[in-house]
Amino acid sequence: MTVEIALFRFAGFMILLSVALTYWVHPNFVWLTVFVGANLFQSSFTGFCPAASFFKMMGIKTEAQCAMKKSEN
C-alpha cells in the first residue's frame, strides 16, 4: 500500500464515519465532515496533509518511491 492509497482510504472512511455519527449520534458531528473536506481542499493547493505526514512516519512509501524501487530492479 502507498501513502496515496492510504490517504484516499482514510479520507473516505472519515467522511463515512462522520456522516454516520451525524445521523445516529448528534447533528454536530457534521463539523467533522466539514473539517475533513476543508483539509482535503487546502491540501490540494498547499500539498501539505497531516495524515500523509503521519503515514510517511509510519514507514509507508509513496508512489514515487515504489516506482523508483521497481525501476532499479
C-alpha atoms as a PDB file:
ATOM      1  CA  MET A   1       0.000   0.000   0.000  1.00  0.00           C
ATOM      2  CA  THR A   2       1.233   3.505  -0.780  1.00  0.00           C
ATOM      3  CA  VAL A   3       0.728   6.789   1.048  1.00  0.00           C
ATOM      4  CA  GLU A   4      -1.644   7.989  -1.666  1.00  0.00           C
ATOM      5  CA  ILE A   5      -3.885   4.909  -1.430  1.00  0.00           C
ATOM      6  CA  ALA A   6      -3.815   5.015   2.381  1.00  0.00           C
ATOM      7  CA  LEU A   7      -4.774   8.685   2.273  1.00  0.00           C
ATOM      8  CA  PHE A   8      -7.756   8.068  -0.035  1.00  0.00           C
ATOM      9  CA  ARG A   9      -8.944   5.217   2.179  1.00  0.00           C
ATOM     10  CA  PHE A  10      -8.528   7.237   5.374  1.00  0.00           C
ATOM     11  CA  ALA A  11     -10.342  10.291   3.983  1.00  0.00           C
ATOM     12  CA  GLY A  12     -13.202   8.166   2.665  1.00  0.00           C
ATOM     13  CA  PHE A  13     -13.515   6.324   5.961  1.00  0.00           C
ATOM     14  CA  MET A  14     -13.529   9.569   7.959  1.00  0.00           C
ATOM     15  CA  ILE A  15     -16.249  11.076   5.758  1.00  0.00           C
ATOM     16  CA  LEU A  16     -18.443   7.986   6.017  1.00  0.00           C
ATOM     17  CA  LEU A  17     -17.841   7.785   9.775  1.00  0.00           C
ATOM     18  CA  SER A  18     -18.731  11.431  10.283  1.00  0.00           C
ATOM     19  CA  VAL A  19     -21.931  11.086   8.259  1.00  0.00           C
ATOM     20  CA  ALA A  20     -22.931   8.028  10.323  1.00  0.00           C
ATOM     21  CA  LEU A  21     -22.151   9.832  13.578  1.00  0.00           C
ATOM     22  CA  THR A  22     -24.154  12.854  12.407  1.00  0.00           C
ATOM     23  CA  TYR A  23     -27.142  10.665  11.602  1.00  0.00           C
ATOM     24  CA  TRP A  24     -27.098   8.322  14.603  1.00  0.00           C
ATOM     25  CA  VAL A  25     -25.383  10.247  17.409  1.00  0.00           C
ATOM     26  CA  HIS A  26     -25.600  14.031  17.140  1.00  0.00           C
ATOM     27  CA  PRO A  27     -26.056  16.576  14.339  1.00  0.00           C
ATOM     28  CA  ASN A  28     -22.941  18.500  15.392  1.00  0.00           C
ATOM     29  CA  PHE A  29     -20.760  15.680  14.044  1.00  0.00           C
ATOM     30  CA  VAL A  30     -21.363  17.305  10.661  1.00  0.00           C
ATOM     31  CA  TRP A  31     -18.426  19.555  11.602  1.00  0.00           C
ATOM     32  CA  LEU A  32     -16.118  16.557  11.341  1.00  0.00           C
ATOM     33  CA  THR A  33     -17.235  16.177   7.720  1.00  0.00           C
ATOM     34  CA  VAL A  34     -16.580  19.883   7.173  1.00  0.00           C
ATOM     35  CA  PHE A  35     -13.106  19.578   8.712  1.00  0.00           C
ATOM     36  CA  VAL A  36     -12.162  16.602   6.531  1.00  0.00           C
ATOM     37  CA  GLY A  37     -13.435  18.352   3.408  1.00  0.00           C
ATOM     38  CA  ALA A  38     -11.621  21.586   4.261  1.00  0.00           C
ATOM     39  CA  ASN A  39      -8.407  19.669   4.898  1.00  0.00           C
ATOM     40  CA  LEU A  40      -8.683  17.898   1.531  1.00  0.00           C
ATOM     41  CA  PHE A  41      -9.365  21.228  -0.167  1.00  0.00           C
ATOM     42  CA  GLN A  42      -6.423  23.054   1.401  1.00  0.00           C
ATOM     43  CA  SER A  43      -4.039  20.155   0.758  1.00  0.00           C
ATOM     44  CA  SER A  44      -4.880  20.288  -2.956  1.00  0.00           C
ATOM     45  CA  PHE A  45      -3.413  23.816  -3.011  1.00  0.00           C
ATOM     46  CA  THR A  46      -0.603  23.582  -0.472  1.00  0.00           C
ATOM     47  CA  GLY A  47       0.480  19.966  -0.811  1.00  0.00           C
ATOM     48  CA  PHE A  48       0.534  19.669   2.992  1.00  0.00           C
ATOM     49  CA  CYS A  49      -1.574  16.950   4.574  1.00  0.00           C
ATOM     50  CA  PRO A  50      -1.105  15.937   8.223  1.00  0.00           C
ATOM     51  CA  ALA A  51      -2.411  12.426   7.545  1.00  0.00           C
ATOM     52  CA  ALA A  52       0.095  11.904   4.711  1.00  0.00           C
ATOM     53  CA  SER A  53       2.905  13.037   7.014  1.00  0.00           C
ATOM     54  CA  PHE A  54       1.723  10.534   9.618  1.00  0.00           C
ATOM     55  CA  PHE A  55       1.609   7.692   7.074  1.00  0.00           C
ATOM     56  CA  LYS A  56       5.149   8.548   5.944  1.00  0.00           C
ATOM     57  CA  MET A  57       6.331   8.477   9.576  1.00  0.00           C
ATOM     58  CA  MET A  58       4.794   5.009   9.842  1.00  0.00           C
ATOM     59  CA  GLY A  59       7.063   3.903   7.005  1.00  0.00           C
ATOM     60  CA  ILE A  60       4.540   3.682   4.188  1.00  0.00           C
ATOM     61  CA  LYS A  61       6.187   4.528   0.878  1.00  0.00           C
ATOM     62  CA  THR A  62       4.892   6.978  -1.726  1.00  0.00           C
ATOM     63  CA  GLU A  63       4.014   6.032  -5.309  1.00  0.00           C
ATOM     64  CA  ALA A  64       7.228   7.719  -6.472  1.00  0.00           C
ATOM     65  CA  GLN A  65       9.371   5.709  -4.058  1.00  0.00           C
ATOM     66  CA  CYS A  66       7.739   2.470  -5.195  1.00  0.00           C
ATOM     67  CA  ALA A  67       8.266   3.380  -8.862  1.00  0.00           C
ATOM     68  CA  MET A  68      11.943   4.147  -8.247  1.00  0.00           C
ATOM     69  CA  LYS A  69      12.417   0.839  -6.483  1.00  0.00           C
ATOM     70  CA  LYS A  70      10.806  -1.027  -9.408  1.00  0.00           C
ATOM     71  CA  SER A  71      12.996   0.776 -11.956  1.00  0.00           C
ATOM     72  CA  GLU A  72      16.154  -0.178 -10.036  1.00  0.00           C
ATOM     73  CA  ASN A  73      15.374  -3.879 -10.350  1.00  0.00           C
END
